[in-house]
């Protein structure tokens, strides 16, 4: 039972970290694209 909770916590943490990384990289690339559009 303790192992199940431990595994669930790790998987949840990984999912949260992955989604945060995706959102961060998406916003970063969006800013870069906006900067390129302004230069034109």
PDB file of N, CA and C in Angstrom:
ATOM      1  N   UNK A   1       0.846  -1.208   0.000  1.00  0.00           N
ATOM      2  CA  UNK A   1       0.000   0.000   0.000  1.00  0.00           C
ATOM      3  C   UNK A   1       0.879   1.255   0.000  1.00  0.00           C
ATOM      4  N   UNK A   2       1.901   1.263   0.852  1.00  0.00           N
ATOM      5  CA  UNK A   2       2.805   2.422   0.914  1.00  0.00           C
ATOM      6  C   UNK A   2       3.528   2.590  -0.419  1.00  0.00           C
ATOM      7  N   UNK A   3       3.926   1.459  -1.023  1.00  0.00           N
ATOM      8  CA  UNK A   3       4.628   1.493  -2.309  1.00  0.00           C
ATOM      9  C   UNK A   3       3.725   2.081  -3.391  1.00  0.00           C
ATOM     10  N   UNK A   4       2.438   1.732  -3.343  1.00  0.00           N
ATOM     11  CA  UNK A   4       1.467   2.225  -4.325  1.00  0.00           C
ATOM     12  C   UNK A   4       1.352   3.745  -4.241  1.00  0.00           C
ATOM     13  N   UNK A   5       1.242   4.268  -3.028  1.00  0.00           N
ATOM     14  CA  UNK A   5       1.154   5.721  -2.816  1.00  0.00           C
ATOM     15  C   UNK A   5       2.443   6.393  -3.281  1.00  0.00           C
ATOM     16  N   UNK A   6       3.587   5.752  -3.002  1.00  0.00           N
ATOM     17  CA  UNK A   6       4.893   6.289  -3.396  1.00  0.00           C
ATOM     18  C   UNK A   6       5.009   6.366  -4.915  1.00  0.00           C
ATOM     19  N   UNK A   7       4.598   5.286  -5.601  1.00  0.00           N
ATOM     20  CA  UNK A   7       4.659   5.239  -7.064  1.00  0.00           C
ATOM     21  C   UNK A   7       3.695   6.265  -7.671  1.00  0.00           C
ATOM     22  N   UNK A   8       2.518   6.398  -7.071  1.00  0.00           N
ATOM     23  CA  UNK A   8       1.519   7.354  -7.553  1.00  0.00           C
ATOM     24  C   UNK A   8       2.028   8.786  -7.423  1.00  0.00           C
ATOM     25  N   UNK A   9       2.693   9.081  -6.305  1.00  0.00           N
ATOM     26  CA  UNK A   9       3.249  10.419  -6.077  1.00  0.00           C
ATOM     27  C   UNK A   9       4.337  10.739  -7.092  1.00  0.00           C
ATOM     28  N   UNK A  10       5.202   9.762  -7.383  1.00  0.00           N
ATOM     29  CA  UNK A  10       6.294   9.970  -8.351  1.00  0.00           C
ATOM     30  C   UNK A  10       5.726  10.212  -9.749  1.00  0.00           C
ATOM     31  N   UNK A  11       4.757   9.388 -10.157  1.00  0.00           N
ATOM     32  CA  UNK A  11       4.165   9.528 -11.491  1.00  0.00           C
ATOM     33  C   UNK A  11       3.443  10.872 -11.618  1.00  0.00           C
ATOM     34  N   UNK A  12       2.763  11.291 -10.556  1.00  0.00           N
ATOM     35  CA  UNK A  12       2.061  12.573 -10.562  1.00  0.00           C
ATOM     36  C   UNK A  12       3.051  13.727 -10.661  1.00  0.00           C
ATOM     37  N   UNK A  13       4.159  13.616  -9.934  1.00  0.00           N
ATOM     38  CA  UNK A  13       5.199  14.648  -9.962  1.00  0.00           C
ATOM     39  C   UNK A  13       5.840  14.750 -11.336  1.00  0.00           C
ATOM     40  N   UNK A  14       6.089  13.603 -11.961  1.00  0.00           N
ATOM     41  CA  UNK A  14       6.680  13.596 -13.305  1.00  0.00           C
ATOM     42  C   UNK A  14       5.722  14.236 -14.307  1.00  0.00           C
ATOM     43  N   UNK A  15       4.442  13.898 -14.200  1.00  0.00           N
ATOM     44  CA  UNK A  15       3.433  14.451 -15.104  1.00  0.00           C
ATOM     45  C   UNK A  15       3.343  15.964 -14.941  1.00  0.00           C
ATOM     46  N   UNK A  16       3.355  16.417 -13.689  1.00  0.00           N
ATOM     47  CA  UNK A  16       3.287  17.849 -13.394  1.00  0.00           C
ATOM     48  C   UNK A  16       4.515  18.569 -13.947  1.00  0.00           C
ATOM     49  N   UNK A  17       5.695  17.980 -13.743  1.00  0.00           N
ATOM     50  CA  UNK A  17       6.931  18.575 -14.242  1.00  0.00           C
ATOM     51  C   UNK A  17       6.960  18.620 -15.758  1.00  0.00           C
ATOM     52  N   UNK A  18       6.459  17.565 -16.393  1.00  0.00           N
ATOM     53  CA  UNK A  18       6.450  17.500 -17.854  1.00  0.00           C
ATOM     54  C   UNK A  18       5.519  18.564 -18.430  1.00  0.00           C
ATOM     55  N   UNK A  19       4.322  18.693 -17.854  1.00  0.00           N
ATOM     56  CA  UNK A  19       3.367  19.690 -18.339  1.00  0.00           C
ATOM     57  C   UNK A  19       3.910  21.103 -18.127  1.00  0.00           C
ATOM     58  N   UNK A  20       4.594  21.331 -16.994  1.00  0.00           N
ATOM     59  CA  UNK A  20       5.190  22.641 -16.715  1.00  0.00           C
ATOM     60  C   UNK A  20       6.275  22.952 -17.736  1.00  0.00           C
ATOM     61  N   UNK A  21       7.085  21.941 -18.081  1.00  0.00           N
ATOM     62  CA  UNK A  21       8.164  22.115 -19.054  1.00  0.00           C
ATOM     63  C   UNK A  21       7.601  22.431 -20.436  1.00  0.00           C
ATOM     64  N   UNK A  22       6.514  21.750 -20.813  1.00  0.00           N
ATOM     65  CA  UNK A  22       5.879  21.977 -22.119  1.00  0.00           C
ATOM     66  C   UNK A  22       5.332  23.399 -22.199  1.00  0.00           C
ATOM     67  N   UNK A  23       4.645  23.851 -21.146  1.00  0.00           N
ATOM     68  CA  UNK A  23       4.079  25.206 -21.116  1.00  0.00           C
ATOM     69  C   UNK A  23       5.198  26.244 -21.165  1.00  0.00           C
ATOM     70  N   UNK A  24       6.288  25.999 -20.421  1.00  0.00           N
ATOM     71  CA  UNK A  24       7.414  26.929 -20.378  1.00  0.00           C
ATOM     72  C   UNK A  24       8.080  27.042 -21.743  1.00  0.00           C
ATOM     73  N   UNK A  25       8.330  25.900 -22.395  1.00  0.00           N
ATOM     74  CA  UNK A  25       8.983  25.906 -23.710  1.00  0.00           C
ATOM     75  C   UNK A  25       8.056  26.522 -24.763  1.00  0.00           C
ATOM     76  N   UNK A  26       6.740  26.297 -24.629  1.00  0.00           N
ATOM     77  CA  UNK A  26       5.773  26.860 -25.576  1.00  0.00           C
ATOM     78  C   UNK A  26       5.746  28.381 -25.481  1.00  0.00           C
ATOM     79  N   UNK A  27       5.708  28.913 -24.263  1.00  0.00           N
ATOM     80  CA  UNK A  27       5.686  30.367 -24.071  1.00  0.00           C
ATOM     81  C   UNK A  27       7.004  30.979 -24.535  1.00  0.00           C
ATOM     82  N   UNK A  28       8.114  30.261 -24.324  1.00  0.00           N
ATOM     83  CA  UNK A  28       9.429  30.752 -24.733  1.00  0.00           C
ATOM     84  C   UNK A  28       9.508  30.839 -26.255  1.00  0.00           C
ATOM     85  N   UNK A  29       9.052  29.789 -26.951  1.00  0.00           N
ATOM     86  CA  UNK A  29       9.086  29.774 -28.413  1.00  0.00           C
ATOM     87  C   UNK A  29       8.123  30.824 -28.975  1.00  0.00           C
ATOM     88  N   UNK A  30       7.017  31.067 -28.277  1.00  0.00           N
ATOM     89  CA  UNK A  30       6.044  32.069 -28.713  1.00  0.00           C
ATOM     90  C   UNK A  30       6.683  33.459 -28.665  1.00  0.00           C
ATOM     91  N   UNK A  31       7.449  33.737 -27.605  1.00  0.00           N
ATOM     92  CA  UNK A  31       8.136  35.029 -27.487  1.00  0.00           C
ATOM     93  C   UNK A  31       9.167  35.192 -28.598  1.00  0.00           C
ATOM     94  N   UNK A  32       9.889  34.123 -28.918  1.00  0.00           N
ATOM     95  CA  UNK A  32      10.901  34.170 -29.982  1.00  0.00           C
ATOM     96  C   UNK A  32      10.226  34.448 -31.323  1.00  0.00           C
ATOM     97  N   UNK A  33       9.087  33.806 -31.568  1.00  0.00           N
ATOM     98  CA  UNK A  33       8.358  34.014 -32.823  1.00  0.00           C
ATOM     99  C   UNK A  33       7.852  35.452 -32.913  1.00  0.00           C
ATOM    100  N   UNK A  34       7.388  36.007 -31.794  1.00  0.00           N
ATOM    101  CA  UNK A  34       6.919  37.396 -31.784  1.00  0.00           C
ATOM    102  C   UNK A  34       8.065  38.349 -32.082  1.00  0.00           C
ATOM    103  N   UNK A  35       9.257  38.067 -31.545  1.00  0.00           N
ATOM    104  CA  UNK A  35      10.423  38.910 -31.805  1.00  0.00           C
ATOM    105  C   UNK A  35      10.816  38.862 -33.273  1.00  0.00           C
ATOM    106  N   UNK A  36      10.710  37.685 -33.898  1.00  0.00           N
ATOM    107  CA  UNK A  36      11.042  37.535 -35.321  1.00  0.00           C
ATOM    108  C   UNK A  36      10.041  38.328 -36.163  1.00  0.00           C
ATOM    109  N   UNK A  37       8.764  38.269 -35.787  1.00  0.00           N
ATOM    110  CA  UNK A  37       7.730  38.995 -36.527  1.00  0.00           C
ATOM    111  C   UNK A  37       7.949  40.506 -36.445  1.00  0.00           C
ATOM    112  N   UNK A  38       8.419  40.998 -35.327  1.00  0.00           N
ATOM    113  CA  UNK A  38       8.655  42.439 -35.164  1.00  0.00           C
ATOM    114  C   UNK A  38       9.820  42.909 -36.024  1.00  0.00           C
ATOM    115  N   UNK A  39      10.818  42.041 -36.208  1.00  0.00           N
ATOM    116  CA  UNK A  39      12.000  42.422 -36.990  1.00  0.00           C
ATOM    117  C   UNK A  39      11.663  42.609 -38.465  1.00  0.00           C
ATOM    118  N   UNK A  40      10.690  41.882 -38.971  1.00  0.00           N
ATOM    119  CA  UNK A  40      10.339  41.956 -40.395  1.00  0.00           C
ATOM    120  C   UNK A  40       9.767  43.316 -40.780  1.00  0.00           C
TER     121      UNK A  40
END
